[in-house]
Amino acid sequence: MTIVSDTGPLIALAKIDHLWLLENLFSEIYLPPMVHRELLAKNSPEAVILDQALSGFIHVAAPPTMPTKVETAMHRLDPGEQQAIALAYHRQEPIILDDRLGRDAAKKLGLRVTGTAAVLLQAKKSLHIPAVRPLLIEIRQNGYWLSDEFLNVVAKMAGEL
């Protein structure tokens, strides 16, 4: 399966050195130029992991001109999210997106939306990782905001509670 990604999930997985999961779960990962620029601007420990993925299994693809319907749905989003949603809409591919406003806009456009937690759940189901909750806790410890309630819901879905 091919998928389009926004910046957040790539950074979250890179922070815990699990970006490789995307390569194992999806046949191709695309991102738009603005997301690519956001990733290149990272000056943190995960930058090396992101650079390797960008020169390997993650591809940059320019989004087309957005139809009015798409622009209207995305008017409150940042440019990276806008481009990622536009690219997913054009390609009619699912999108990995964690931001609530972005997820809502993508769903309004009829896109299949997944997020970092769902990727981890799929990775556990596919036996790429033994557990989801410890990785979500590690993501949170590395600055990605996740509520206790969210952690518990995902852990329950993973059969870890």
C-alpha atoms as a PDB file:
ATOM      1  CA  MET A   1       0.000   0.000   0.000  1.00  0.00           C
ATOM      2  CA  THR A   2       1.201   3.496  -0.851  1.00  0.00           C
ATOM      3  CA  ILE A   3       0.669   6.281   1.686  1.00  0.00           C
ATOM      4  CA  VAL A   4       1.242  10.033   1.997  1.00  0.00           C
ATOM      5  CA  SER A   5       2.692  11.431   5.223  1.00  0.00           C
ATOM      6  CA  ASP A   6       2.627  14.699   7.100  1.00  0.00           C
ATOM      7  CA  THR A   7       5.621  15.879   9.134  1.00  0.00           C
ATOM      8  CA  GLY A   8       4.514  14.916  12.662  1.00  0.00           C
ATOM      9  CA  PRO A   9       4.306  11.138  12.330  1.00  0.00           C
ATOM     10  CA  LEU A  10       7.698  10.991  10.588  1.00  0.00           C
ATOM     11  CA  ILE A  11       9.311  12.994  13.383  1.00  0.00           C
ATOM     12  CA  ALA A  12       7.564  10.956  16.094  1.00  0.00           C
ATOM     13  CA  LEU A  13       8.794   7.658  14.635  1.00  0.00           C
ATOM     14  CA  ALA A  14      12.282   9.048  13.987  1.00  0.00           C
ATOM     15  CA  LYS A  15      12.530  10.248  17.611  1.00  0.00           C
ATOM     16  CA  ILE A  16      12.266   6.622  18.762  1.00  0.00           C
ATOM     17  CA  ASP A  17      14.336   5.243  15.866  1.00  0.00           C
ATOM     18  CA  HIS A  18      11.331   3.365  14.418  1.00  0.00           C
ATOM     19  CA  LEU A  19      10.945   5.151  11.105  1.00  0.00           C
ATOM     20  CA  TRP A  20      11.900   1.820   9.530  1.00  0.00           C
ATOM     21  CA  LEU A  21       8.402   0.580  10.372  1.00  0.00           C
ATOM     22  CA  LEU A  22       6.987   2.662   7.528  1.00  0.00           C
ATOM     23  CA  GLU A  23       9.312   0.977   5.067  1.00  0.00           C
ATOM     24  CA  ASN A  24       8.158  -2.421   6.337  1.00  0.00           C
ATOM     25  CA  LEU A  25       4.440  -1.626   6.391  1.00  0.00           C
ATOM     26  CA  PHE A  26       4.008   0.367   3.175  1.00  0.00           C
ATOM     27  CA  SER A  27       5.246  -0.182  -0.353  1.00  0.00           C
ATOM     28  CA  GLU A  28       5.816   3.546  -0.946  1.00  0.00           C
ATOM     29  CA  ILE A  29       5.720   6.662   1.224  1.00  0.00           C
ATOM     30  CA  TYR A  30       5.236  10.067  -0.365  1.00  0.00           C
ATOM     31  CA  LEU A  31       5.404  13.547   1.078  1.00  0.00           C
ATOM     32  CA  PRO A  32       5.058  16.996  -0.439  1.00  0.00           C
ATOM     33  CA  PRO A  33       7.887  19.559  -0.750  1.00  0.00           C
ATOM     34  CA  MET A  34       6.760  21.602   2.277  1.00  0.00           C
ATOM     35  CA  VAL A  35       6.891  18.534   4.548  1.00  0.00           C
ATOM     36  CA  HIS A  36      10.290  17.720   3.051  1.00  0.00           C
ATOM     37  CA  ARG A  37      11.494  21.250   3.929  1.00  0.00           C
ATOM     38  CA  GLU A  38      10.121  20.940   7.463  1.00  0.00           C
ATOM     39  CA  LEU A  39      12.028  17.684   7.926  1.00  0.00           C
ATOM     40  CA  LEU A  40      15.257  19.146   6.529  1.00  0.00           C
ATOM     41  CA  ALA A  41      14.965  22.034   8.980  1.00  0.00           C
ATOM     42  CA  LYS A  42      15.137  19.637  11.942  1.00  0.00           C
ATOM     43  CA  ASN A  43      18.352  20.107  13.876  1.00  0.00           C
ATOM     44  CA  SER A  44      17.956  17.368  16.443  1.00  0.00           C
ATOM     45  CA  PRO A  45      19.139  13.812  17.096  1.00  0.00           C
ATOM     46  CA  GLU A  46      16.481  12.341  14.784  1.00  0.00           C
ATOM     47  CA  ALA A  47      17.721  14.438  11.834  1.00  0.00           C
ATOM     48  CA  VAL A  48      20.164  11.710  10.766  1.00  0.00           C
ATOM     49  CA  ILE A  49      17.391   9.089  10.730  1.00  0.00           C
ATOM     50  CA  LEU A  50      15.163  11.426   8.722  1.00  0.00           C
ATOM     51  CA  ASP A  51      17.968  12.172   6.238  1.00  0.00           C
ATOM     52  CA  GLN A  52      18.566   8.464   5.650  1.00  0.00           C
ATOM     53  CA  ALA A  53      14.861   7.824   5.050  1.00  0.00           C
ATOM     54  CA  LEU A  54      14.625  10.786   2.672  1.00  0.00           C
ATOM     55  CA  SER A  55      17.499   9.467   0.620  1.00  0.00           C
ATOM     56  CA  GLY A  56      16.044   5.961   0.705  1.00  0.00           C
ATOM     57  CA  PHE A  57      12.448   4.861   0.945  1.00  0.00           C
ATOM     58  CA  ILE A  58      10.550   8.163   1.294  1.00  0.00           C
ATOM     59  CA  HIS A  59       9.775  10.011  -1.937  1.00  0.00           C
ATOM     60  CA  VAL A  60       8.975  13.685  -2.464  1.00  0.00           C
ATOM     61  CA  ALA A  61       6.142  14.451  -4.875  1.00  0.00           C
ATOM     62  CA  ALA A  62       4.725  17.872  -5.649  1.00  0.00           C
ATOM     63  CA  PRO A  63       1.011  18.247  -5.006  1.00  0.00           C
ATOM     64  CA  PRO A  64      -1.095  19.490  -7.894  1.00  0.00           C
ATOM     65  CA  THR A  65      -3.001  22.742  -7.875  1.00  0.00           C
ATOM     66  CA  MET A  66      -5.680  22.300  -5.268  1.00  0.00           C
ATOM     67  CA  PRO A  67      -9.328  22.275  -6.303  1.00  0.00           C
ATOM     68  CA  THR A  68     -11.482  24.883  -4.510  1.00  0.00           C
ATOM     69  CA  LYS A  69     -13.168  22.138  -2.472  1.00  0.00           C
ATOM     70  CA  VAL A  70      -9.764  21.058  -1.116  1.00  0.00           C
ATOM     71  CA  GLU A  71      -8.591  24.618  -0.421  1.00  0.00           C
ATOM     72  CA  THR A  72     -11.789  25.361   1.475  1.00  0.00           C
ATOM     73  CA  ALA A  73     -11.444  22.273   3.669  1.00  0.00           C
ATOM     74  CA  MET A  74      -7.847  23.167   4.532  1.00  0.00           C
ATOM     75  CA  HIS A  75      -7.917  26.939   5.014  1.00  0.00           C
ATOM     76  CA  ARG A  76      -6.959  26.764   8.737  1.00  0.00           C
ATOM     77  CA  LEU A  77      -4.074  24.299   8.363  1.00  0.00           C
ATOM     78  CA  ASP A  78      -0.358  24.958   8.111  1.00  0.00           C
ATOM     79  CA  PRO A  79       1.255  24.751   4.642  1.00  0.00           C
ATOM     80  CA  GLY A  80       2.808  21.312   5.232  1.00  0.00           C
ATOM     81  CA  GLU A  81      -0.526  19.773   6.196  1.00  0.00           C
ATOM     82  CA  GLN A  82      -2.227  21.508   3.287  1.00  0.00           C
ATOM     83  CA  GLN A  83       0.250  20.082   0.796  1.00  0.00           C
ATOM     84  CA  ALA A  84       0.157  16.614   2.348  1.00  0.00           C
ATOM     85  CA  ILE A  85      -3.641  16.492   2.217  1.00  0.00           C
ATOM     86  CA  ALA A  86      -3.665  17.877  -1.340  1.00  0.00           C
ATOM     87  CA  LEU A  87      -1.167  15.224  -2.419  1.00  0.00           C
ATOM     88  CA  ALA A  88      -3.153  12.431  -0.773  1.00  0.00           C
ATOM     89  CA  TYR A  89      -6.356  13.772  -2.325  1.00  0.00           C
ATOM     90  CA  HIS A  90      -4.792  13.944  -5.791  1.00  0.00           C
ATOM     91  CA  ARG A  91      -3.283  10.463  -5.517  1.00  0.00           C
ATOM     92  CA  GLN A  92      -6.355   9.069  -3.699  1.00  0.00           C
ATOM     93  CA  GLU A  93      -4.034   7.492  -1.150  1.00  0.00           C
ATOM     94  CA  PRO A  94      -4.373   7.244   2.639  1.00  0.00           C
ATOM     95  CA  ILE A  95      -2.545   9.826   4.726  1.00  0.00           C
ATOM     96  CA  ILE A  96      -0.616   9.541   7.997  1.00  0.00           C
ATOM     97  CA  LEU A  97      -1.603  12.602   9.982  1.00  0.00           C
ATOM     98  CA  ASP A  98      -1.773  13.202  13.730  1.00  0.00           C
ATOM     99  CA  ASP A  99      -3.050  16.786  14.001  1.00  0.00           C
ATOM    100  CA  ARG A 100      -6.774  16.817  14.790  1.00  0.00           C
ATOM    101  CA  LEU A 101      -7.675  19.726  12.500  1.00  0.00           C
ATOM    102  CA  GLY A 102      -5.744  18.125   9.666  1.00  0.00           C
ATOM    103  CA  ARG A 103      -7.385  14.760  10.267  1.00  0.00           C
ATOM    104  CA  ASP A 104     -10.837  16.371  10.247  1.00  0.00           C
ATOM    105  CA  ALA A 105     -10.109  18.212   6.981  1.00  0.00           C
ATOM    106  CA  ALA A 106      -8.776  15.046   5.330  1.00  0.00           C
ATOM    107  CA  LYS A 107     -11.826  13.057   6.429  1.00  0.00           C
ATOM    108  CA  LYS A 108     -14.151  15.759   5.050  1.00  0.00           C
ATOM    109  CA  LEU A 109     -12.446  15.209   1.702  1.00  0.00           C
ATOM    110  CA  GLY A 110     -13.099  11.479   1.925  1.00  0.00           C
ATOM    111  CA  LEU A 111      -9.498  10.469   2.558  1.00  0.00           C
ATOM    112  CA  ARG A 112      -8.528   7.452   4.634  1.00  0.00           C
ATOM    113  CA  VAL A 113      -6.627   8.820   7.618  1.00  0.00           C
ATOM    114  CA  THR A 114      -4.269   6.987   9.901  1.00  0.00           C
ATOM    115  CA  GLY A 115      -1.821   8.197  12.518  1.00  0.00           C
ATOM    116  CA  THR A 116       1.318   7.285  14.391  1.00  0.00           C
ATOM    117  CA  ALA A 117      -0.549   5.145  16.935  1.00  0.00           C
ATOM    118  CA  ALA A 118      -2.332   3.208  14.182  1.00  0.00           C
ATOM    119  CA  VAL A 119       1.002   2.583  12.462  1.00  0.00           C
ATOM    120  CA  LEU A 120       2.338   1.159  15.729  1.00  0.00           C
ATOM    121  CA  LEU A 121      -0.781  -0.990  16.154  1.00  0.00           C
ATOM    122  CA  GLN A 122      -0.313  -2.358  12.623  1.00  0.00           C
ATOM    123  CA  ALA A 123       3.376  -2.956  13.324  1.00  0.00           C
ATOM    124  CA  LYS A 124       2.490  -5.018  16.395  1.00  0.00           C
ATOM    125  CA  LYS A 125      -0.141  -6.959  14.469  1.00  0.00           C
ATOM    126  CA  SER A 126       2.455  -7.648  11.762  1.00  0.00           C
ATOM    127  CA  LEU A 127       4.928  -8.764  14.458  1.00  0.00           C
ATOM    128  CA  HIS A 128       7.440  -5.987  13.708  1.00  0.00           C
ATOM    129  CA  ILE A 129       7.296  -4.813  17.334  1.00  0.00           C
ATOM    130  CA  PRO A 130       6.337  -6.629  20.551  1.00  0.00           C
ATOM    131  CA  ALA A 131       4.368  -3.789  22.170  1.00  0.00           C
ATOM    132  CA  VAL A 132       2.847  -0.396  21.375  1.00  0.00           C
ATOM    133  CA  ARG A 133       2.490   1.337  24.757  1.00  0.00           C
ATOM    134  CA  PRO A 134       6.234   1.560  25.569  1.00  0.00           C
ATOM    135  CA  LEU A 135       6.881   3.175  22.195  1.00  0.00           C
ATOM    136  CA  LEU A 136       4.089   5.701  22.683  1.00  0.00           C
ATOM    137  CA  ILE A 137       5.503   6.547  26.105  1.00  0.00           C
ATOM    138  CA  GLU A 138       8.930   7.010  24.541  1.00  0.00           C
ATOM    139  CA  ILE A 139       7.439   9.269  21.849  1.00  0.00           C
ATOM    140  CA  ARG A 140       5.802  11.337  24.596  1.00  0.00           C
ATOM    141  CA  GLN A 141       9.054  11.512  26.569  1.00  0.00           C
ATOM    142  CA  ASN A 142      10.680  12.904  23.425  1.00  0.00           C
ATOM    143  CA  GLY A 143       8.294  15.860  23.268  1.00  0.00           C
ATOM    144  CA  TYR A 144       5.311  14.573  21.275  1.00  0.00           C
ATOM    145  CA  TRP A 145       2.165  15.366  23.275  1.00  0.00           C
ATOM    146  CA  LEU A 146      -0.002  12.330  24.020  1.00  0.00           C
ATOM    147  CA  SER A 147      -2.562  12.256  26.824  1.00  0.00           C
ATOM    148  CA  ASP A 148      -2.774   9.463  29.382  1.00  0.00           C
ATOM    149  CA  GLU A 149      -6.279   8.738  28.132  1.00  0.00           C
ATOM    150  CA  PHE A 150      -5.014   8.330  24.561  1.00  0.00           C
ATOM    151  CA  LEU A 151      -2.176   6.049  25.716  1.00  0.00           C
ATOM    152  CA  ASN A 152      -4.649   3.884  27.617  1.00  0.00           C
ATOM    153  CA  VAL A 153      -7.094   3.646  24.701  1.00  0.00           C
ATOM    154  CA  VAL A 154      -4.335   2.615  22.279  1.00  0.00           C
ATOM    155  CA  ALA A 155      -2.832   0.191  24.803  1.00  0.00           C
ATOM    156  CA  LYS A 156      -6.260  -1.405  25.208  1.00  0.00           C
ATOM    157  CA  MET A 157      -6.603  -1.694  21.417  1.00  0.00           C
ATOM    158  CA  ALA A 158      -3.188  -3.384  21.383  1.00  0.00           C
ATOM    159  CA  GLY A 159      -4.269  -5.832  24.083  1.00  0.00           C
ATOM    160  CA  GLU A 160      -1.751  -4.366  26.504  1.00  0.00           C
ATOM    161  CA  LEU A 161      -4.166  -3.320  29.279  1.00  0.00           C
END
